[in-house]
């Protein structure tokens, strides 16, 4: 006979498992960058999905249990968008600008701000 404590344990384990589901796809949209073919975009998408999944660490699971189930998906989406943007793809809602510098390229600082006389 099934006791109430076994049912409670089963329900608790099921709920905890639901809180730590690993995202399998982004819930955000990225678009091909200027001059990118569909094949190039698809390769970027596949690589960025894998990279975003690798960013999911044990601390993320603990934080998701503490702060809510949508946190892991949000972190996955942020990692995915950063990767897609770095590869030169477009992110809706982000003003298009110059493509990011290649990895390892030196960053040139802009001019200093103008000084004001007292």
PDB file of N, CA and C in Angstrom:
ATOM      1  N   UNK A   1       0.844  -1.179   0.000  1.00  0.00           N
ATOM      2  CA  UNK A   1       0.000   0.000   0.000  1.00  0.00           C
ATOM      3  C   UNK A   1       0.888   1.242   0.000  1.00  0.00           C
ATOM      4  N   UNK A   2       0.487   2.229  -0.761  1.00  0.00           N
ATOM      5  CA  UNK A   2       1.256   3.471  -0.876  1.00  0.00           C
ATOM      6  C   UNK A   2       0.917   4.373   0.300  1.00  0.00           C
ATOM      7  N   UNK A   3       1.948   4.797   0.992  1.00  0.00           N
ATOM      8  CA  UNK A   3       1.725   5.665   2.139  1.00  0.00           C
ATOM      9  C   UNK A   3       1.780   7.115   1.699  1.00  0.00           C
ATOM     10  N   UNK A   4       1.250   7.961   2.547  1.00  0.00           N
ATOM     11  CA  UNK A   4       1.220   9.396   2.245  1.00  0.00           C
ATOM     12  C   UNK A   4       2.632   9.963   2.141  1.00  0.00           C
ATOM     13  N   UNK A   5       3.551   9.452   2.945  1.00  0.00           N
ATOM     14  CA  UNK A   5       4.924   9.972   2.904  1.00  0.00           C
ATOM     15  C   UNK A   5       5.605   9.628   1.576  1.00  0.00           C
ATOM     16  N   UNK A   6       5.303   8.472   1.005  1.00  0.00           N
ATOM     17  CA  UNK A   6       5.875   8.110  -0.306  1.00  0.00           C
ATOM     18  C   UNK A   6       5.307   8.999  -1.401  1.00  0.00           C
ATOM     19  N   UNK A   7       4.046   9.282  -1.342  1.00  0.00           N
ATOM     20  CA  UNK A   7       3.418  10.157  -2.333  1.00  0.00           C
ATOM     21  C   UNK A   7       4.005  11.555  -2.227  1.00  0.00           C
ATOM     22  N   UNK A   8       4.173  12.038  -1.002  1.00  0.00           N
ATOM     23  CA  UNK A   8       4.763  13.356  -0.791  1.00  0.00           C
ATOM     24  C   UNK A   8       6.189  13.408  -1.322  1.00  0.00           C
ATOM     25  N   UNK A   9       6.955  12.356  -1.090  1.00  0.00           N
ATOM     26  CA  UNK A   9       8.328  12.285  -1.589  1.00  0.00           C
ATOM     27  C   UNK A   9       8.348  12.297  -3.112  1.00  0.00           C
ATOM     28  N   UNK A  10       7.477  11.542  -3.741  1.00  0.00           N
ATOM     29  CA  UNK A  10       7.406  11.495  -5.200  1.00  0.00           C
ATOM     30  C   UNK A  10       7.043  12.859  -5.780  1.00  0.00           C
ATOM     31  N   UNK A  11       6.079  13.526  -5.186  1.00  0.00           N
ATOM     32  CA  UNK A  11       5.671  14.847  -5.647  1.00  0.00           C
ATOM     33  C   UNK A  11       6.811  15.858  -5.471  1.00  0.00           C
ATOM     34  N   UNK A  12       7.494  15.812  -4.346  1.00  0.00           N
ATOM     35  CA  UNK A  12       8.601  16.729  -4.083  1.00  0.00           C
ATOM     36  C   UNK A  12       9.728  16.528  -5.089  1.00  0.00           C
ATOM     37  N   UNK A  13      10.112  15.297  -5.349  1.00  0.00           N
ATOM     38  CA  UNK A  13      11.172  15.008  -6.310  1.00  0.00           C
ATOM     39  C   UNK A  13      10.759  15.472  -7.703  1.00  0.00           C
ATOM     40  N   UNK A  14       9.523  15.256  -8.078  1.00  0.00           N
ATOM     41  CA  UNK A  14       9.038  15.695  -9.390  1.00  0.00           C
ATOM     42  C   UNK A  14       9.093  17.206  -9.530  1.00  0.00           C
ATOM     43  N   UNK A  15       8.680  17.911  -8.494  1.00  0.00           N
ATOM     44  CA  UNK A  15       8.705  19.373  -8.542  1.00  0.00           C
ATOM     45  C   UNK A  15      10.124  19.913  -8.592  1.00  0.00           C
ATOM     46  N   UNK A  16      11.036  19.334  -7.826  1.00  0.00           N
ATOM     47  CA  UNK A  16      12.426  19.783  -7.860  1.00  0.00           C
ATOM     48  C   UNK A  16      13.052  19.514  -9.219  1.00  0.00           C
ATOM     49  N   UNK A  17      12.712  18.401  -9.818  1.00  0.00           N
ATOM     50  CA  UNK A  17      13.223  18.092 -11.150  1.00  0.00           C
ATOM     51  C   UNK A  17      12.731  19.091 -12.180  1.00  0.00           C
ATOM     52  N   UNK A  18      11.511  19.548 -12.029  1.00  0.00           N
ATOM     53  CA  UNK A  18      10.953  20.528 -12.966  1.00  0.00           C
ATOM     54  C   UNK A  18      11.647  21.874 -12.823  1.00  0.00           C
ATOM     55  N   UNK A  19      12.130  22.177 -11.627  1.00  0.00           N
ATOM     56  CA  UNK A  19      12.795  23.465 -11.397  1.00  0.00           C
ATOM     57  C   UNK A  19      14.170  23.535 -12.032  1.00  0.00           C
ATOM     58  N   UNK A  20      14.768  22.400 -12.305  1.00  0.00           N
ATOM     59  CA  UNK A  20      16.135  22.403 -12.798  1.00  0.00           C
ATOM     60  C   UNK A  20      16.236  21.916 -14.236  1.00  0.00           C
ATOM     61  N   UNK A  21      15.197  22.075 -15.014  1.00  0.00           N
ATOM     62  CA  UNK A  21      15.277  21.659 -16.406  1.00  0.00           C
ATOM     63  C   UNK A  21      16.290  22.516 -17.134  1.00  0.00           C
ATOM     64  N   UNK A  22      17.044  21.875 -17.992  1.00  0.00           N
ATOM     65  CA  UNK A  22      18.070  22.566 -18.766  1.00  0.00           C
ATOM     66  C   UNK A  22      17.440  23.053 -20.065  1.00  0.00           C
ATOM     67  N   UNK A  23      17.621  24.329 -20.408  1.00  0.00           N
ATOM     68  CA  UNK A  23      17.066  24.822 -21.669  1.00  0.00           C
ATOM     69  C   UNK A  23      17.659  24.060 -22.851  1.00  0.00           C
ATOM     70  N   UNK A  24      16.829  23.777 -23.828  1.00  0.00           N
ATOM     71  CA  UNK A  24      17.300  23.061 -25.021  1.00  0.00           C
ATOM     72  C   UNK A  24      17.290  23.948 -26.258  1.00  0.00           C
ATOM     73  N   UNK A  25      16.696  25.118 -26.158  1.00  0.00           N
ATOM     74  CA  UNK A  25      16.642  26.036 -27.290  1.00  0.00           C
ATOM     75  C   UNK A  25      16.463  27.455 -26.766  1.00  0.00           C
ATOM     76  N   UNK A  26      16.922  28.430 -27.532  1.00  0.00           N
ATOM     77  CA  UNK A  26      16.718  29.816 -27.112  1.00  0.00           C
ATOM     78  C   UNK A  26      15.250  30.205 -27.234  1.00  0.00           C
ATOM     79  N   UNK A  27      14.821  31.117 -26.370  1.00  0.00           N
ATOM     80  CA  UNK A  27      13.454  31.636 -26.465  1.00  0.00           C
ATOM     81  C   UNK A  27      13.480  33.055 -27.023  1.00  0.00           C
ATOM     82  N   UNK A  28      14.589  33.409 -27.662  1.00  0.00           N
ATOM     83  CA  UNK A  28      14.780  34.727 -28.252  1.00  0.00           C
ATOM     84  C   UNK A  28      15.122  34.551 -29.728  1.00  0.00           C
ATOM     85  N   UNK A  29      15.048  35.656 -30.468  1.00  0.00           N
ATOM     86  CA  UNK A  29      15.275  35.582 -31.904  1.00  0.00           C
ATOM     87  C   UNK A  29      16.555  36.311 -32.296  1.00  0.00           C
ATOM     88  N   UNK A  30      17.289  35.712 -33.197  1.00  0.00           N
ATOM     89  CA  UNK A  30      18.433  36.360 -33.833  1.00  0.00           C
ATOM     90  C   UNK A  30      18.216  36.250 -35.344  1.00  0.00           C
ATOM     91  N   UNK A  31      18.729  37.216 -36.074  1.00  0.00           N
ATOM     92  CA  UNK A  31      18.570  37.256 -37.524  1.00  0.00           C
ATOM     93  C   UNK A  31      19.940  37.230 -38.188  1.00  0.00           C
ATOM     94  N   UNK A  32      20.005  36.749 -39.426  1.00  0.00           N
ATOM     95  CA  UNK A  32      21.301  36.723 -40.110  1.00  0.00           C
ATOM     96  C   UNK A  32      21.891  38.127 -40.232  1.00  0.00           C
ATOM     97  N   UNK A  33      23.198  38.189 -40.084  1.00  0.00           N
ATOM     98  CA  UNK A  33      23.897  39.456 -40.238  1.00  0.00           C
ATOM     99  C   UNK A  33      23.972  39.848 -41.704  1.00  0.00           C
ATOM    100  N   UNK A  34      24.351  41.097 -41.979  1.00  0.00           N
ATOM    101  CA  UNK A  34      24.462  41.562 -43.358  1.00  0.00           C
ATOM    102  C   UNK A  34      25.423  40.678 -44.159  1.00  0.00           C
ATOM    103  N   UNK A  35      24.966  40.215 -45.303  1.00  0.00           N
ATOM    104  CA  UNK A  35      25.809  39.424 -46.187  1.00  0.00           C
ATOM    105  C   UNK A  35      25.963  37.967 -45.777  1.00  0.00           C
ATOM    106  N   UNK A  36      25.273  37.527 -44.741  1.00  0.00           N
ATOM    107  CA  UNK A  36      25.390  36.129 -44.305  1.00  0.00           C
ATOM    108  C   UNK A  36      24.386  35.266 -45.061  1.00  0.00           C
ATOM    109  N   UNK A  37      24.853  34.115 -45.504  1.00  0.00           N
ATOM    110  CA  UNK A  37      23.951  33.168 -46.151  1.00  0.00           C
ATOM    111  C   UNK A  37      23.178  32.398 -45.080  1.00  0.00           C
ATOM    112  N   UNK A  38      22.145  31.715 -45.501  1.00  0.00           N
ATOM    113  CA  UNK A  38      21.360  30.906 -44.573  1.00  0.00           C
ATOM    114  C   UNK A  38      22.224  29.801 -43.973  1.00  0.00           C
ATOM    115  N   UNK A  39      23.113  29.241 -44.769  1.00  0.00           N
ATOM    116  CA  UNK A  39      24.008  28.196 -44.277  1.00  0.00           C
ATOM    117  C   UNK A  39      24.948  28.741 -43.196  1.00  0.00           C
ATOM    118  N   UNK A  40      25.500  29.941 -43.408  1.00  0.00           N
ATOM    119  CA  UNK A  40      26.376  30.551 -42.402  1.00  0.00           C
ATOM    120  C   UNK A  40      25.597  30.832 -41.114  1.00  0.00           C
ATOM    121  N   UNK A  41      24.387  31.365 -41.273  1.00  0.00           N
ATOM    122  CA  UNK A  41      23.559  31.660 -40.101  1.00  0.00           C
ATOM    123  C   UNK A  41      23.222  30.384 -39.341  1.00  0.00           C
ATOM    124  N   UNK A  42      22.896  29.323 -40.072  1.00  0.00           N
ATOM    125  CA  UNK A  42      22.564  28.052 -39.423  1.00  0.00           C
ATOM    126  C   UNK A  42      23.772  27.506 -38.655  1.00  0.00           C
ATOM    127  N   UNK A  43      24.960  27.623 -39.224  1.00  0.00           N
ATOM    128  CA  UNK A  43      26.170  27.157 -38.531  1.00  0.00           C
ATOM    129  C   UNK A  43      26.410  27.988 -37.263  1.00  0.00           C
ATOM    130  N   UNK A  44      26.216  29.309 -37.354  1.00  0.00           N
ATOM    131  CA  UNK A  44      26.348  30.171 -36.173  1.00  0.00           C
ATOM    132  C   UNK A  44      25.338  29.768 -35.102  1.00  0.00           C
ATOM    133  N   UNK A  45      24.100  29.541 -35.519  1.00  0.00           N
ATOM    134  CA  UNK A  45      23.026  29.177 -34.592  1.00  0.00           C
ATOM    135  C   UNK A  45      23.357  27.874 -33.864  1.00  0.00           C
ATOM    136  N   UNK A  46      23.794  26.889 -34.600  1.00  0.00           N
ATOM    137  CA  UNK A  46      24.130  25.596 -34.000  1.00  0.00           C
ATOM    138  C   UNK A  46      25.279  25.744 -33.002  1.00  0.00           C
ATOM    139  N   UNK A  47      26.318  26.457 -33.402  1.00  0.00           N
ATOM    140  CA  UNK A  47      27.463  26.658 -32.513  1.00  0.00           C
ATOM    141  C   UNK A  47      27.101  27.439 -31.265  1.00  0.00           C
ATOM    142  N   UNK A  48      26.267  28.461 -31.415  1.00  0.00           N
ATOM    143  CA  UNK A  48      25.885  29.288 -30.266  1.00  0.00           C
ATOM    144  C   UNK A  48      24.944  28.554 -29.315  1.00  0.00           C
ATOM    145  N   UNK A  49      24.103  27.678 -29.839  1.00  0.00           N
ATOM    146  CA  UNK A  49      23.253  26.855 -28.964  1.00  0.00           C
ATOM    147  C   UNK A  49      24.123  25.941 -28.103  1.00  0.00           C
ATOM    148  N   UNK A  50      25.135  25.348 -28.733  1.00  0.00           N
ATOM    149  CA  UNK A  50      26.034  24.475 -27.986  1.00  0.00           C
ATOM    150  C   UNK A  50      26.819  25.270 -26.945  1.00  0.00           C
ATOM    151  N   UNK A  51      27.291  26.443 -27.336  1.00  0.00           N
ATOM    152  CA  UNK A  51      28.073  27.268 -26.411  1.00  0.00           C
ATOM    153  C   UNK A  51      27.214  27.710 -25.225  1.00  0.00           C
ATOM    154  N   UNK A  52      25.987  28.129 -25.497  1.00  0.00           N
ATOM    155  CA  UNK A  52      25.095  28.568 -24.415  1.00  0.00           C
ATOM    156  C   UNK A  52      24.797  27.413 -23.460  1.00  0.00           C
ATOM    157  N   UNK A  53      24.632  26.206 -23.985  1.00  0.00           N
ATOM    158  CA  UNK A  53      24.368  25.048 -23.134  1.00  0.00           C
ATOM    159  C   UNK A  53      25.576  24.737 -22.249  1.00  0.00           C
ATOM    160  N   UNK A  54      26.782  24.981 -22.758  1.00  0.00           N
ATOM    161  CA  UNK A  54      27.988  24.724 -21.968  1.00  0.00           C
ATOM    162  C   UNK A  54      28.141  25.720 -20.831  1.00  0.00           C
ATOM    163  N   UNK A  55      27.528  26.881 -20.948  1.00  0.00           N
ATOM    164  CA  UNK A  55      27.635  27.890 -19.900  1.00  0.00           C
ATOM    165  C   UNK A  55      26.796  27.539 -18.681  1.00  0.00           C
ATOM    166  N   UNK A  56      25.904  26.564 -18.834  1.00  0.00           N
ATOM    167  CA  UNK A  56      25.035  26.131 -17.739  1.00  0.00           C
ATOM    168  C   UNK A  56      25.865  25.325 -16.747  1.00  0.00           C
ATOM    169  N   UNK A  57      26.088  25.860 -15.561  1.00  0.00           N
ATOM    170  CA  UNK A  57      26.912  25.192 -14.550  1.00  0.00           C
ATOM    171  C   UNK A  57      26.079  24.861 -13.325  1.00  0.00           C
ATOM    172  N   UNK A  58      26.674  24.145 -12.395  1.00  0.00           N
ATOM    173  CA  UNK A  58      25.966  23.711 -11.188  1.00  0.00           C
ATOM    174  C   UNK A  58      25.460  24.901 -10.385  1.00  0.00           C
ATOM    175  N   UNK A  59      26.197  26.006 -10.387  1.00  0.00           N
ATOM    176  CA  UNK A  59      25.740  27.180  -9.645  1.00  0.00           C
ATOM    177  C   UNK A  59      24.466  27.737 -10.259  1.00  0.00           C
ATOM    178  N   UNK A  60      24.327  27.593 -11.570  1.00  0.00           N
ATOM    179  CA  UNK A  60      23.108  28.053 -12.239  1.00  0.00           C
ATOM    180  C   UNK A  60      21.913  27.249 -11.755  1.00  0.00           C
ATOM    181  N   UNK A  61      22.101  25.950 -11.604  1.00  0.00           N
ATOM    182  CA  UNK A  61      21.001  25.097 -11.139  1.00  0.00           C
ATOM    183  C   UNK A  61      20.584  25.488  -9.732  1.00  0.00           C
ATOM    184  N   UNK A  62      21.547  25.746  -8.870  1.00  0.00           N
ATOM    185  CA  UNK A  62      21.242  26.146  -7.498  1.00  0.00           C
ATOM    186  C   UNK A  62      20.513  27.478  -7.477  1.00  0.00           C
ATOM    187  N   UNK A  63      20.992  28.433  -8.265  1.00  0.00           N
ATOM    188  CA  UNK A  63      20.351  29.747  -8.328  1.00  0.00           C
ATOM    189  C   UNK A  63      18.936  29.632  -8.896  1.00  0.00           C
ATOM    190  N   UNK A  64      18.747  28.761  -9.880  1.00  0.00           N
ATOM    191  CA  UNK A  64      17.415  28.591 -10.465  1.00  0.00           C
ATOM    192  C   UNK A  64      16.434  28.056  -9.432  1.00  0.00           C
ATOM    193  N   UNK A  65      16.892  27.146  -8.582  1.00  0.00           N
ATOM    194  CA  UNK A  65      16.016  26.626  -7.538  1.00  0.00           C
ATOM    195  C   UNK A  65      15.669  27.720  -6.542  1.00  0.00           C
ATOM    196  N   UNK A  66      16.616  28.621  -6.302  1.00  0.00           N
ATOM    197  CA  UNK A  66      16.397  29.677  -5.321  1.00  0.00           C
ATOM    198  C   UNK A  66      15.550  30.809  -5.879  1.00  0.00           C
ATOM    199  N   UNK A  67      15.855  31.250  -7.097  1.00  0.00           N
ATOM    200  CA  UNK A  67      15.236  32.462  -7.632  1.00  0.00           C
ATOM    201  C   UNK A  67      14.128  32.220  -8.650  1.00  0.00           C
ATOM    202  N   UNK A  68      13.919  31.018  -9.082  1.00  0.00           N
ATOM    203  CA  UNK A  68      12.822  30.756 -10.000  1.00  0.00           C
ATOM    204  C   UNK A  68      13.272  29.934 -11.192  1.00  0.00           C
ATOM    205  N   UNK A  69      12.309  29.277 -11.795  1.00  0.00           N
ATOM    206  CA  UNK A  69      12.617  28.346 -12.871  1.00  0.00           C
ATOM    207  C   UNK A  69      13.016  29.035 -14.161  1.00  0.00           C
ATOM    208  N   UNK A  70      12.604  30.261 -14.387  1.00  0.00           N
ATOM    209  CA  UNK A  70      12.926  30.949 -15.634  1.00  0.00           C
ATOM    210  C   UNK A  70      14.339  31.487 -15.690  1.00  0.00           C
ATOM    211  N   UNK A  71      15.056  31.423 -14.580  1.00  0.00           N
ATOM    212  CA  UNK A  71      16.400  32.003 -14.536  1.00  0.00           C
ATOM    213  C   UNK A  71      17.366  31.274 -15.454  1.00  0.00           C
ATOM    214  N   UNK A  72      17.327  29.959 -15.469  1.00  0.00           N
ATOM    215  CA  UNK A  72      18.240  29.210 -16.336  1.00  0.00           C
ATOM    216  C   UNK A  72      17.965  29.529 -17.794  1.00  0.00           C
ATOM    217  N   UNK A  73      16.715  29.633 -18.191  1.00  0.00           N
ATOM    218  CA  UNK A  73      16.390  29.967 -19.582  1.00  0.00           C
ATOM    219  C   UNK A  73      16.899  31.350 -19.927  1.00  0.00           C
ATOM    220  N   UNK A  74      16.743  32.284 -18.989  1.00  0.00           N
ATOM    221  CA  UNK A  74      17.207  33.655 -19.236  1.00  0.00           C
ATOM    222  C   UNK A  74      18.718  33.703 -19.432  1.00  0.00           C
ATOM    223  N   UNK A  75      19.464  32.985 -18.577  1.00  0.00           N
ATOM    224  CA  UNK A  75      20.923  32.964 -18.717  1.00  0.00           C
ATOM    225  C   UNK A  75      21.341  32.290 -20.018  1.00  0.00           C
ATOM    226  N   UNK A  76      20.627  31.230 -20.400  1.00  0.00           N
ATOM    227  CA  UNK A  76      20.891  30.550 -21.676  1.00  0.00           C
ATOM    228  C   UNK A  76      20.668  31.523 -22.828  1.00  0.00           C
ATOM    229  N   UNK A  77      19.546  32.252 -22.779  1.00  0.00           N
ATOM    230  CA  UNK A  77      19.226  33.206 -23.843  1.00  0.00           C
ATOM    231  C   UNK A  77      20.288  34.304 -23.948  1.00  0.00           C
ATOM    232  N   UNK A  78      20.749  34.809 -22.811  1.00  0.00           N
ATOM    233  CA  UNK A  78      21.772  35.862 -22.825  1.00  0.00           C
ATOM    234  C   UNK A  78      23.057  35.335 -23.450  1.00  0.00           C
ATOM    235  N   UNK A  79      23.484  34.143 -23.057  1.00  0.00           N
ATOM    236  CA  UNK A  79      24.700  33.564 -23.629  1.00  0.00           C
ATOM    237  C   UNK A  79      24.537  33.343 -25.130  1.00  0.00           C
ATOM    238  N   UNK A  80      23.374  32.871 -25.553  1.00  0.00           N
ATOM    239  CA  UNK A  80      23.099  32.641 -26.973  1.00  0.00           C
ATOM    240  C   UNK A  80      23.158  33.953 -27.763  1.00  0.00           C
ATOM    241  N   UNK A  81      22.494  34.990 -27.245  1.00  0.00           N
ATOM    242  CA  UNK A  81      22.483  36.279 -27.950  1.00  0.00           C
ATOM    243  C   UNK A  81      23.879  36.889 -28.021  1.00  0.00           C
ATOM    244  N   UNK A  82      24.653  36.790 -26.950  1.00  0.00           N
ATOM    245  CA  UNK A  82      26.016  37.321 -26.972  1.00  0.00           C
ATOM    246  C   UNK A  82      26.848  36.616 -28.039  1.00  0.00           C
ATOM    247  N   UNK A  83      26.711  35.318 -28.127  1.00  0.00           N
ATOM    248  CA  UNK A  83      27.449  34.541 -29.122  1.00  0.00           C
ATOM    249  C   UNK A  83      27.018  34.920 -30.537  1.00  0.00           C
ATOM    250  N   UNK A  84      25.719  34.997 -30.779  1.00  0.00           N
ATOM    251  CA  UNK A  84      25.230  35.334 -32.122  1.00  0.00           C
ATOM    252  C   UNK A  84      25.662  36.745 -32.523  1.00  0.00           C
ATOM    253  N   UNK A  85      25.621  37.680 -31.591  1.00  0.00           N
ATOM    254  CA  UNK A  85      26.039  39.052 -31.874  1.00  0.00           C
ATOM    255  C   UNK A  85      27.537  39.097 -32.174  1.00  0.00           C
ATOM    256  N   UNK A  86      28.310  38.354 -31.406  1.00  0.00           N
ATOM    257  CA  UNK A  86      29.758  38.320 -31.613  1.00  0.00           C
ATOM    258  C   UNK A  86      30.119  37.731 -32.973  1.00  0.00           C
ATOM    259  N   UNK A  87      29.259  36.891 -33.515  1.00  0.00           N
ATOM    260  CA  UNK A  87      29.504  36.304 -34.826  1.00  0.00           C
ATOM    261  C   UNK A  87      28.969  37.188 -35.956  1.00  0.00           C
ATOM    262  N   UNK A  88      28.471  38.378 -35.604  1.00  0.00           N
ATOM    263  CA  UNK A  88      28.036  39.324 -36.626  1.00  0.00           C
ATOM    264  C   UNK A  88      26.584  39.222 -37.034  1.00  0.00           C
ATOM    265  N   UNK A  89      25.775  38.508 -36.254  1.00  0.00           N
ATOM    266  CA  UNK A  89      24.350  38.405 -36.567  1.00  0.00           C
ATOM    267  C   UNK A  89      23.585  39.539 -35.896  1.00  0.00           C
ATOM    268  N   UNK A  90      22.354  39.730 -36.332  1.00  0.00           N
ATOM    269  CA  UNK A  90      21.541  40.833 -35.815  1.00  0.00           C
ATOM    270  C   UNK A  90      20.634  40.347 -34.687  1.00  0.00           C
ATOM    271  N   UNK A  91      20.479  41.215 -33.695  1.00  0.00           N
ATOM    272  CA  UNK A  91      19.603  40.940 -32.561  1.00  0.00           C
ATOM    273  C   UNK A  91      18.486  41.973 -32.589  1.00  0.00           C
ATOM    274  N   UNK A  92      17.218  41.560 -32.780  1.00  0.00           N
ATOM    275  CA  UNK A  92      16.123  42.532 -32.796  1.00  0.00           C
ATOM    276  C   UNK A  92      16.113  43.363 -31.515  1.00  0.00           C
ATOM    277  N   UNK A  93      15.910  44.662 -31.683  1.00  0.00           N
ATOM    278  CA  UNK A  93      15.871  45.560 -30.550  1.00  0.00           C
ATOM    279  C   UNK A  93      17.217  46.165 -30.218  1.00  0.00           C
ATOM    280  N   UNK A  94      18.274  45.686 -30.860  1.00  0.00           N
ATOM    281  CA  UNK A  94      19.616  46.239 -30.660  1.00  0.00           C
ATOM    282  C   UNK A  94      19.982  46.980 -31.927  1.00  0.00           C
ATOM    283  N   UNK A  95      20.298  48.265 -31.778  1.00  0.00           N
ATOM    284  CA  UNK A  95      20.640  49.068 -32.952  1.00  0.00           C
ATOM    285  C   UNK A  95      21.850  48.469 -33.646  1.00  0.00           C
ATOM    286  N   UNK A  96      21.761  48.302 -34.964  1.00  0.00           N
ATOM    287  CA  UNK A  96      22.910  47.749 -35.672  1.00  0.00           C
ATOM    288  C   UNK A  96      24.082  48.720 -35.620  1.00  0.00           C
ATOM    289  N   UNK A  97      25.238  48.190 -35.466  1.00  0.00           N
ATOM    290  CA  UNK A  97      26.440  49.006 -35.413  1.00  0.00           C
ATOM    291  C   UNK A  97      27.560  48.303 -36.127  1.00  0.00           C
ATOM    292  N   UNK A  98      28.745  48.754 -35.873  1.00  0.00           N
ATOM    293  CA  UNK A  98      29.904  48.103 -36.466  1.00  0.00           C
ATOM    294  C   UNK A  98      30.013  46.692 -35.917  1.00  0.00           C
ATOM    295  N   UNK A  99      30.458  45.759 -36.745  1.00  0.00           N
ATOM    296  CA  UNK A  99      30.621  44.401 -36.229  1.00  0.00           C
ATOM    297  C   UNK A  99      31.652  44.385 -35.110  1.00  0.00           C
ATOM    298  N   UNK A 100      31.539  43.444 -34.212  1.00  0.00           N
ATOM    299  CA  UNK A 100      32.495  43.390 -33.102  1.00  0.00           C
ATOM    300  C   UNK A 100      33.897  43.130 -33.625  1.00  0.00           C
ATOM    301  N   UNK A 101      34.925  43.595 -32.901  1.00  0.00           N
ATOM    302  CA  UNK A 101      36.292  43.359 -33.365  1.00  0.00           C
ATOM    303  C   UNK A 101      36.614  41.877 -33.325  1.00  0.00           C
ATOM    304  N   UNK A 102      37.500  41.424 -34.214  1.00  0.00           N
ATOM    305  CA  UNK A 102      37.876  40.010 -34.170  1.00  0.00           C
ATOM    306  C   UNK A 102      38.516  39.667 -32.835  1.00  0.00           C
ATOM    307  N   UNK A 103      38.409  38.429 -32.484  1.00  0.00           N
ATOM    308  CA  UNK A 103      38.967  37.985 -31.213  1.00  0.00           C
ATOM    309  C   UNK A 103      40.463  38.249 -31.171  1.00  0.00           C
ATOM    310  N   UNK A 104      40.928  38.865 -30.101  1.00  0.00           N
ATOM    311  CA  UNK A 104      42.345  39.163 -29.946  1.00  0.00           C
ATOM    312  C   UNK A 104      42.772  40.489 -30.560  1.00  0.00           C
ATOM    313  N   UNK A 105      41.845  41.197 -31.212  1.00  0.00           N
ATOM    314  CA  UNK A 105      42.195  42.478 -31.824  1.00  0.00           C
ATOM    315  C   UNK A 105      42.341  43.538 -30.738  1.00  0.00           C
ATOM    316  N   UNK A 106      43.323  44.437 -30.878  1.00  0.00           N
ATOM    317  CA  UNK A 106      43.461  45.489 -29.870  1.00  0.00           C
ATOM    318  C   UNK A 106      42.291  46.459 -29.936  1.00  0.00           C
ATOM    319  N   UNK A 107      41.903  46.953 -28.795  1.00  0.00           N
ATOM    320  CA  UNK A 107      40.812  47.916 -28.714  1.00  0.00           C
ATOM    321  C   UNK A 107      41.415  49.310 -28.641  1.00  0.00           C
ATOM    322  N   UNK A 108      41.028  50.168 -29.569  1.00  0.00           N
ATOM    323  CA  UNK A 108      41.540  51.533 -29.600  1.00  0.00           C
ATOM    324  C   UNK A 108      40.585  52.430 -28.844  1.00  0.00           C
ATOM    325  N   UNK A 109      41.044  53.102 -27.794  1.00  0.00           N
ATOM    326  CA  UNK A 109      40.142  53.984 -27.046  1.00  0.00           C
ATOM    327  C   UNK A 109      39.806  55.223 -27.867  1.00  0.00           C
ATOM    328  N   UNK A 110      38.640  55.764 -27.611  1.00  0.00           N
ATOM    329  CA  UNK A 110      38.217  56.991 -28.284  1.00  0.00           C
ATOM    330  C   UNK A 110      38.924  58.206 -27.703  1.00  0.00           C
ATOM    331  N   UNK A 111      38.627  59.392 -28.262  1.00  0.00           N
ATOM    332  CA  UNK A 111      39.274  60.602 -27.755  1.00  0.00           C
ATOM    333  C   UNK A 111      38.791  60.910 -26.336  1.00  0.00           C
ATOM    334  N   UNK A 112      39.605  61.621 -25.558  1.00  0.00           N
ATOM    335  CA  UNK A 112      39.183  61.965 -24.202  1.00  0.00           C
ATOM    336  C   UNK A 112      38.039  62.960 -24.247  1.00  0.00           C
ATOM    337  N   UNK A 113      37.205  62.985 -23.224  1.00  0.00           N
ATOM    338  CA  UNK A 113      36.104  63.939 -23.196  1.00  0.00           C
ATOM    339  C   UNK A 113      36.646  65.367 -23.079  1.00  0.00           C
ATOM    340  N   UNK A 114      35.918  66.326 -23.639  1.00  0.00           N
ATOM    341  CA  UNK A 114      36.390  67.719 -23.547  1.00  0.00           C
ATOM    342  C   UNK A 114      36.376  68.210 -22.101  1.00  0.00           C
ATOM    343  N   UNK A 115      37.362  69.014 -21.794  1.00  0.00           N
ATOM    344  CA  UNK A 115      37.412  69.583 -20.438  1.00  0.00           C
ATOM    345  C   UNK A 115      36.706  70.923 -20.427  1.00  0.00           C
ATOM    346  N   UNK A 116      36.091  71.225 -19.316  1.00  0.00           N
ATOM    347  CA  UNK A 116      35.382  72.482 -19.204  1.00  0.00           C
ATOM    348  C   UNK A 116      36.166  73.430 -18.286  1.00  0.00           C
ATOM    349  N   UNK A 117      36.245  74.686 -18.693  1.00  0.00           N
ATOM    350  CA  UNK A 117      36.944  75.682 -17.879  1.00  0.00           C
ATOM    351  C   UNK A 117      36.068  76.069 -16.693  1.00  0.00           C
ATOM    352  N   UNK A 118      36.688  76.341 -15.519  1.00  0.00           N
ATOM    353  CA  UNK A 118      35.901  76.715 -14.346  1.00  0.00           C
ATOM    354  C   UNK A 118      35.264  78.069 -14.468  1.00  0.00           C
TER     355      UNK A 118
END
